Amino acid sequence: MFDWPANGRLDVAVKGDQLRRAYLMTDPAHTPLKTEARPDGVTVLLPKDAPDPAVSVLAMEIGG
């Protein structure tokens, strides 16, 4: 992401039961980030600060 969400929330248009996990690529343990289901998708709760000031990568494992 080039523009890190100031509110720490990223809305994604994917059904909640399809998102297996989301994590930051800079995290070697691939610790899952918390998510919240919405009627039209999922909100991924991000850390306050971006791990990389230039560009941060969010991985999402989707299946089902």
PDB file of N, CA and C in Angstrom:
ATOM      1  N   MET A   1       0.838  -1.161   0.000  1.00  0.00           N
ATOM      2  CA  MET A   1       0.000   0.000   0.000  1.00  0.00           C
ATOM      3  C   MET A   1       0.890   1.233   0.000  1.00  0.00           C
ATOM      4  N   PHE A   2       0.598   2.146  -0.899  1.00  0.00           N
ATOM      5  CA  PHE A   2       1.330   3.406  -0.953  1.00  0.00           C
ATOM      6  C   PHE A   2       0.761   4.407   0.045  1.00  0.00           C
ATOM      7  N   ASP A   3      -0.547   4.331   0.257  1.00  0.00           N
ATOM      8  CA  ASP A   3      -1.224   5.238   1.179  1.00  0.00           C
ATOM      9  C   ASP A   3      -1.778   4.434   2.342  1.00  0.00           C
ATOM     10  N   TRP A   4      -1.085   4.489   3.473  1.00  0.00           N
ATOM     11  CA  TRP A   4      -1.493   3.750   4.662  1.00  0.00           C
ATOM     12  C   TRP A   4      -2.730   4.413   5.254  1.00  0.00           C
ATOM     13  N   PRO A   5      -3.778   3.655   5.546  1.00  0.00           N
ATOM     14  CA  PRO A   5      -4.996   4.245   6.100  1.00  0.00           C
ATOM     15  C   PRO A   5      -4.738   4.910   7.460  1.00  0.00           C
ATOM     16  N   ALA A   6      -5.080   6.172   7.575  1.00  0.00           N
ATOM     17  CA  ALA A   6      -4.846   6.918   8.817  1.00  0.00           C
ATOM     18  C   ALA A   6      -5.636   6.337   9.981  1.00  0.00           C
ATOM     19  N   ASN A   7      -6.793   5.740   9.683  1.00  0.00           N
ATOM     20  CA  ASN A   7      -7.615   5.179  10.753  1.00  0.00           C
ATOM     21  C   ASN A   7      -7.258   3.726  11.069  1.00  0.00           C
ATOM     22  N   GLY A   8      -6.266   3.163  10.367  1.00  0.00           N
ATOM     23  CA  GLY A   8      -5.824   1.794  10.627  1.00  0.00           C
ATOM     24  C   GLY A   8      -6.800   0.731  10.157  1.00  0.00           C
ATOM     25  N   ARG A   9      -7.712   1.088   9.278  1.00  0.00           N
ATOM     26  CA  ARG A   9      -8.730   0.153   8.796  1.00  0.00           C
ATOM     27  C   ARG A   9      -8.701   0.097   7.271  1.00  0.00           C
ATOM     28  N   LEU A  10      -8.677  -1.109   6.735  1.00  0.00           N
ATOM     29  CA  LEU A  10      -8.690  -1.286   5.286  1.00  0.00           C
ATOM     30  C   LEU A  10      -9.895  -2.149   4.919  1.00  0.00           C
ATOM     31  N   ASP A  11     -10.835  -1.570   4.191  1.00  0.00           N
ATOM     32  CA  ASP A  11     -12.017  -2.300   3.748  1.00  0.00           C
ATOM     33  C   ASP A  11     -11.693  -3.073   2.475  1.00  0.00           C
ATOM     34  N   VAL A  12     -12.035  -4.356   2.491  1.00  0.00           N
ATOM     35  CA  VAL A  12     -11.753  -5.246   1.371  1.00  0.00           C
ATOM     36  C   VAL A  12     -13.062  -5.894   0.923  1.00  0.00           C
ATOM     37  N   ALA A  13     -13.308  -5.893  -0.368  1.00  0.00           N
ATOM     38  CA  ALA A  13     -14.536  -6.466  -0.911  1.00  0.00           C
ATOM     39  C   ALA A  13     -14.373  -7.964  -1.134  1.00  0.00           C
ATOM     40  N   VAL A  14     -14.347  -8.704  -0.036  1.00  0.00           N
ATOM     41  CA  VAL A  14     -14.280 -10.163  -0.091  1.00  0.00           C
ATOM     42  C   VAL A  14     -15.148 -10.668   1.052  1.00  0.00           C
ATOM     43  N   LYS A  15     -15.880 -11.736   0.813  1.00  0.00           N
ATOM     44  CA  LYS A  15     -16.753 -12.281   1.855  1.00  0.00           C
ATOM     45  C   LYS A  15     -15.904 -12.747   3.035  1.00  0.00           C
ATOM     46  N   GLY A  16     -16.405 -12.485   4.242  1.00  0.00           N
ATOM     47  CA  GLY A  16     -15.679 -12.820   5.456  1.00  0.00           C
ATOM     48  C   GLY A  16     -15.282 -14.277   5.570  1.00  0.00           C
ATOM     49  N   ASP A  17     -16.131 -15.178   5.071  1.00  0.00           N
ATOM     50  CA  ASP A  17     -15.804 -16.596   5.172  1.00  0.00           C
ATOM     51  C   ASP A  17     -14.777 -17.037   4.130  1.00  0.00           C
ATOM     52  N   GLN A  18     -14.430 -16.151   3.194  1.00  0.00           N
ATOM     53  CA  GLN A  18     -13.429 -16.489   2.181  1.00  0.00           C
ATOM     54  C   GLN A  18     -12.022 -16.039   2.578  1.00  0.00           C
ATOM     55  N   LEU A  19     -11.931 -15.083   3.482  1.00  0.00           N
ATOM     56  CA  LEU A  19     -10.623 -14.597   3.913  1.00  0.00           C
ATOM     57  C   LEU A  19     -10.095 -15.502   5.015  1.00  0.00           C
ATOM     58  N   ARG A  20      -9.081 -16.260   4.683  1.00  0.00           N
ATOM     59  CA  ARG A  20      -8.500 -17.184   5.668  1.00  0.00           C
ATOM     60  C   ARG A  20      -7.635 -16.429   6.660  1.00  0.00           C
ATOM     61  N   ARG A  21      -6.779 -15.532   6.149  1.00  0.00           N
ATOM     62  CA  ARG A  21      -5.995 -14.672   7.030  1.00  0.00           C
ATOM     63  C   ARG A  21      -5.355 -13.563   6.222  1.00  0.00           C
ATOM     64  N   ALA A  22      -5.013 -12.509   6.941  1.00  0.00           N
ATOM     65  CA  ALA A  22      -4.315 -11.367   6.351  1.00  0.00           C
ATOM     66  C   ALA A  22      -3.133 -11.054   7.258  1.00  0.00           C
ATOM     67  N   TYR A  23      -2.001 -10.729   6.641  1.00  0.00           N
ATOM     68  CA  TYR A  23      -0.804 -10.424   7.429  1.00  0.00           C
ATOM     69  C   TYR A  23       0.099  -9.507   6.626  1.00  0.00           C
ATOM     70  N   LEU A  24       1.027  -8.877   7.323  1.00  0.00           N
ATOM     71  CA  LEU A  24       1.992  -7.990   6.664  1.00  0.00           C
ATOM     72  C   LEU A  24       3.205  -8.802   6.222  1.00  0.00           C
ATOM     73  N   MET A  25       3.650  -8.561   5.015  1.00  0.00           N
ATOM     74  CA  MET A  25       4.789  -9.320   4.481  1.00  0.00           C
ATOM     75  C   MET A  25       6.079  -9.060   5.248  1.00  0.00           C
ATOM     76  N   THR A  26       6.175  -7.947   5.943  1.00  0.00           N
ATOM     77  CA  THR A  26       7.376  -7.668   6.735  1.00  0.00           C
ATOM     78  C   THR A  26       7.434  -8.492   8.013  1.00  0.00           C
ATOM     79  N   ASP A  27       6.363  -9.165   8.362  1.00  0.00           N
ATOM     80  CA  ASP A  27       6.306  -9.991   9.570  1.00  0.00           C
ATOM     81  C   ASP A  27       6.744 -11.408   9.222  1.00  0.00           C
ATOM     82  N   PRO A  28       7.941 -11.821   9.646  1.00  0.00           N
ATOM     83  CA  PRO A  28       8.419 -13.156   9.279  1.00  0.00           C
ATOM     84  C   PRO A  28       7.557 -14.288   9.833  1.00  0.00           C
ATOM     85  N   ALA A  29       6.824 -14.036  10.909  1.00  0.00           N
ATOM     86  CA  ALA A  29       5.952 -15.061  11.493  1.00  0.00           C
ATOM     87  C   ALA A  29       4.582 -15.096  10.811  1.00  0.00           C
ATOM     88  N   HIS A  30       4.302 -14.111   9.943  1.00  0.00           N
ATOM     89  CA  HIS A  30       3.016 -14.004   9.254  1.00  0.00           C
ATOM     90  C   HIS A  30       1.854 -14.055  10.246  1.00  0.00           C
ATOM     91  N   THR A  31       1.990 -13.287  11.328  1.00  0.00           N
ATOM     92  CA  THR A  31       0.963 -13.216  12.359  1.00  0.00           C
ATOM     93  C   THR A  31      -0.324 -12.643  11.771  1.00  0.00           C
ATOM     94  N   PRO A  32      -1.429 -13.369  11.896  1.00  0.00           N
ATOM     95  CA  PRO A  32      -2.685 -12.875  11.320  1.00  0.00           C
ATOM     96  C   PRO A  32      -3.128 -11.555  11.956  1.00  0.00           C
ATOM     97  N   LEU A  33      -3.596 -10.647  11.111  1.00  0.00           N
ATOM     98  CA  LEU A  33      -4.162  -9.399  11.590  1.00  0.00           C
ATOM     99  C   LEU A  33      -5.626  -9.633  11.942  1.00  0.00           C
ATOM    100  N   LYS A  34      -6.143  -8.844  12.850  1.00  0.00           N
ATOM    101  CA  LYS A  34      -7.556  -8.952  13.205  1.00  0.00           C
ATOM    102  C   LYS A  34      -8.404  -8.427  12.057  1.00  0.00           C
ATOM    103  N   THR A  35      -9.577  -9.000  11.921  1.00  0.00           N
ATOM    104  CA  THR A  35     -10.515  -8.583  10.875  1.00  0.00           C
ATOM    105  C   THR A  35     -11.907  -8.425  11.480  1.00  0.00           C
ATOM    106  N   GLU A  36     -12.734  -7.658  10.797  1.00  0.00           N
ATOM    107  CA  GLU A  36     -14.133  -7.494  11.174  1.00  0.00           C
ATOM    108  C   GLU A  36     -14.989  -7.727   9.928  1.00  0.00           C
ATOM    109  N   ALA A  37     -16.013  -8.559  10.069  1.00  0.00           N
ATOM    110  CA  ALA A  37     -16.916  -8.818   8.951  1.00  0.00           C
ATOM    111  C   ALA A  37     -17.862  -7.631   8.775  1.00  0.00           C
ATOM    112  N   ARG A  38     -18.169  -7.325   7.514  1.00  0.00           N
ATOM    113  CA  ARG A  38     -19.147  -6.297   7.154  1.00  0.00           C
ATOM    114  C   ARG A  38     -20.124  -6.943   6.184  1.00  0.00           C
ATOM    115  N   PRO A  39     -21.287  -6.361   5.996  1.00  0.00           N
ATOM    116  CA  PRO A  39     -22.232  -6.941   5.031  1.00  0.00           C
ATOM    117  C   PRO A  39     -21.666  -7.035   3.611  1.00  0.00           C
ATOM    118  N   ASP A  40     -20.777  -6.110   3.254  1.00  0.00           N
ATOM    119  CA  ASP A  40     -20.243  -6.090   1.888  1.00  0.00           C
ATOM    120  C   ASP A  40     -18.769  -6.469   1.805  1.00  0.00           C
ATOM    121  N   GLY A  41     -18.237  -7.097   2.857  1.00  0.00           N
ATOM    122  CA  GLY A  41     -16.836  -7.502   2.816  1.00  0.00           C
ATOM    123  C   GLY A  41     -16.229  -7.647   4.195  1.00  0.00           C
ATOM    124  N   VAL A  42     -14.960  -7.295   4.279  1.00  0.00           N
ATOM    125  CA  VAL A  42     -14.189  -7.442   5.511  1.00  0.00           C
ATOM    126  C   VAL A  42     -13.362  -6.180   5.729  1.00  0.00           C
ATOM    127  N   THR A  43     -13.187  -5.818   6.984  1.00  0.00           N
ATOM    128  CA  THR A  43     -12.267  -4.745   7.340  1.00  0.00           C
ATOM    129  C   THR A  43     -11.053  -5.376   8.007  1.00  0.00           C
ATOM    130  N   VAL A  44      -9.866  -5.097   7.487  1.00  0.00           N
ATOM    131  CA  VAL A  44      -8.615  -5.571   8.082  1.00  0.00           C
ATOM    132  C   VAL A  44      -8.112  -4.463   8.993  1.00  0.00           C
ATOM    133  N   LEU A  45      -7.830  -4.820  10.250  1.00  0.00           N
ATOM    134  CA  LEU A  45      -7.346  -3.859  11.229  1.00  0.00           C
ATOM    135  C   LEU A  45      -5.822  -3.841  11.186  1.00  0.00           C
ATOM    136  N   LEU A  46      -5.279  -2.711  10.798  1.00  0.00           N
ATOM    137  CA  LEU A  46      -3.841  -2.559  10.586  1.00  0.00           C
ATOM    138  C   LEU A  46      -3.174  -1.860  11.768  1.00  0.00           C
ATOM    139  N   PRO A  47      -1.857  -2.015  11.911  1.00  0.00           N
ATOM    140  CA  PRO A  47      -1.135  -1.247  12.927  1.00  0.00           C
ATOM    141  C   PRO A  47      -1.238   0.250  12.618  1.00  0.00           C
ATOM    142  N   LYS A  48      -1.028   1.054  13.629  1.00  0.00           N
ATOM    143  CA  LYS A  48      -1.129   2.503  13.451  1.00  0.00           C
ATOM    144  C   LYS A  48      -0.148   3.007  12.398  1.00  0.00           C
ATOM    145  N   ASP A  49       1.075   2.519  12.450  1.00  0.00           N
ATOM    146  CA  ASP A  49       2.119   2.980  11.530  1.00  0.00           C
ATOM    147  C   ASP A  49       2.443   1.919  10.487  1.00  0.00           C
ATOM    148  N   ALA A  50       2.668   2.373   9.274  1.00  0.00           N
ATOM    149  CA  ALA A  50       3.063   1.464   8.197  1.00  0.00           C
ATOM    150  C   ALA A  50       4.449   0.891   8.493  1.00  0.00           C
ATOM    151  N   PRO A  51       4.662  -0.389   8.228  1.00  0.00           N
ATOM    152  CA  PRO A  51       5.969  -0.983   8.470  1.00  0.00           C
ATOM    153  C   PRO A  51       7.060  -0.435   7.546  1.00  0.00           C
ATOM    154  N   ASP A  52       6.671   0.042   6.384  1.00  0.00           N
ATOM    155  CA  ASP A  52       7.625   0.617   5.437  1.00  0.00           C
ATOM    156  C   ASP A  52       7.056   1.960   4.976  1.00  0.00           C
ATOM    157  N   PRO A  53       7.780   3.041   5.150  1.00  0.00           N
ATOM    158  CA  PRO A  53       7.232   4.349   4.794  1.00  0.00           C
ATOM    159  C   PRO A  53       6.983   4.533   3.290  1.00  0.00           C
ATOM    160  N   ALA A  54       7.672   3.785   2.456  1.00  0.00           N
ATOM    161  CA  ALA A  54       7.506   3.930   1.014  1.00  0.00           C
ATOM    162  C   ALA A  54       6.328   3.097   0.501  1.00  0.00           C
ATOM    163  N   VAL A  55       6.345   1.801   0.819  1.00  0.00           N
ATOM    164  CA  VAL A  55       5.269   0.909   0.374  1.00  0.00           C
ATOM    165  C   VAL A  55       5.247  -0.300   1.306  1.00  0.00           C
ATOM    166  N   SER A  56       4.068  -0.634   1.786  1.00  0.00           N
ATOM    167  CA  SER A  56       3.893  -1.813   2.650  1.00  0.00           C
ATOM    168  C   SER A  56       3.007  -2.810   1.922  1.00  0.00           C
ATOM    169  N   VAL A  57       3.290  -4.087   2.134  1.00  0.00           N
ATOM    170  CA  VAL A  57       2.558  -5.129   1.422  1.00  0.00           C
ATOM    171  C   VAL A  57       1.720  -5.940   2.415  1.00  0.00           C
ATOM    172  N   LEU A  58       0.426  -6.031   2.110  1.00  0.00           N
ATOM    173  CA  LEU A  58      -0.498  -6.819   2.883  1.00  0.00           C
ATOM    174  C   LEU A  58      -0.814  -8.086   2.097  1.00  0.00           C
ATOM    175  N   ALA A  59      -0.571  -9.236   2.708  1.00  0.00           N
ATOM    176  CA  ALA A  59      -0.907 -10.510   2.069  1.00  0.00           C
ATOM    177  C   ALA A  59      -2.261 -10.962   2.587  1.00  0.00           C
ATOM    178  N   MET A  60      -3.080 -11.477   1.685  1.00  0.00           N
ATOM    179  CA  MET A  60      -4.386 -12.019   2.072  1.00  0.00           C
ATOM    180  C   MET A  60      -4.540 -13.397   1.473  1.00  0.00           C
ATOM    181  N   GLU A  61      -4.786 -14.370   2.324  1.00  0.00           N
ATOM    182  CA  GLU A  61      -5.029 -15.727   1.862  1.00  0.00           C
ATOM    183  C   GLU A  61      -6.537 -15.917   1.745  1.00  0.00           C
ATOM    184  N   ILE A  62      -6.986 -16.156   0.519  1.00  0.00           N
ATOM    185  CA  ILE A  62      -8.409 -16.252   0.235  1.00  0.00           C
ATOM    186  C   ILE A  62      -8.693 -17.634  -0.327  1.00  0.00           C
ATOM    187  N   GLY A  63      -9.744 -18.228   0.147  1.00  0.00           N
ATOM    188  CA  GLY A  63     -10.126 -19.537  -0.353  1.00  0.00           C
ATOM    189  C   GLY A  63     -11.579 -19.814  -0.050  1.00  0.00           C
ATOM    190  N   GLY A  64     -12.064 -20.889  -0.598  1.00  0.00           N
ATOM    191  CA  GLY A  64     -13.420 -21.307  -0.290  1.00  0.00           C
ATOM    192  C   GLY A  64     -14.348 -21.031  -1.366  1.00  0.00           C
TER     193      GLY A  64
END
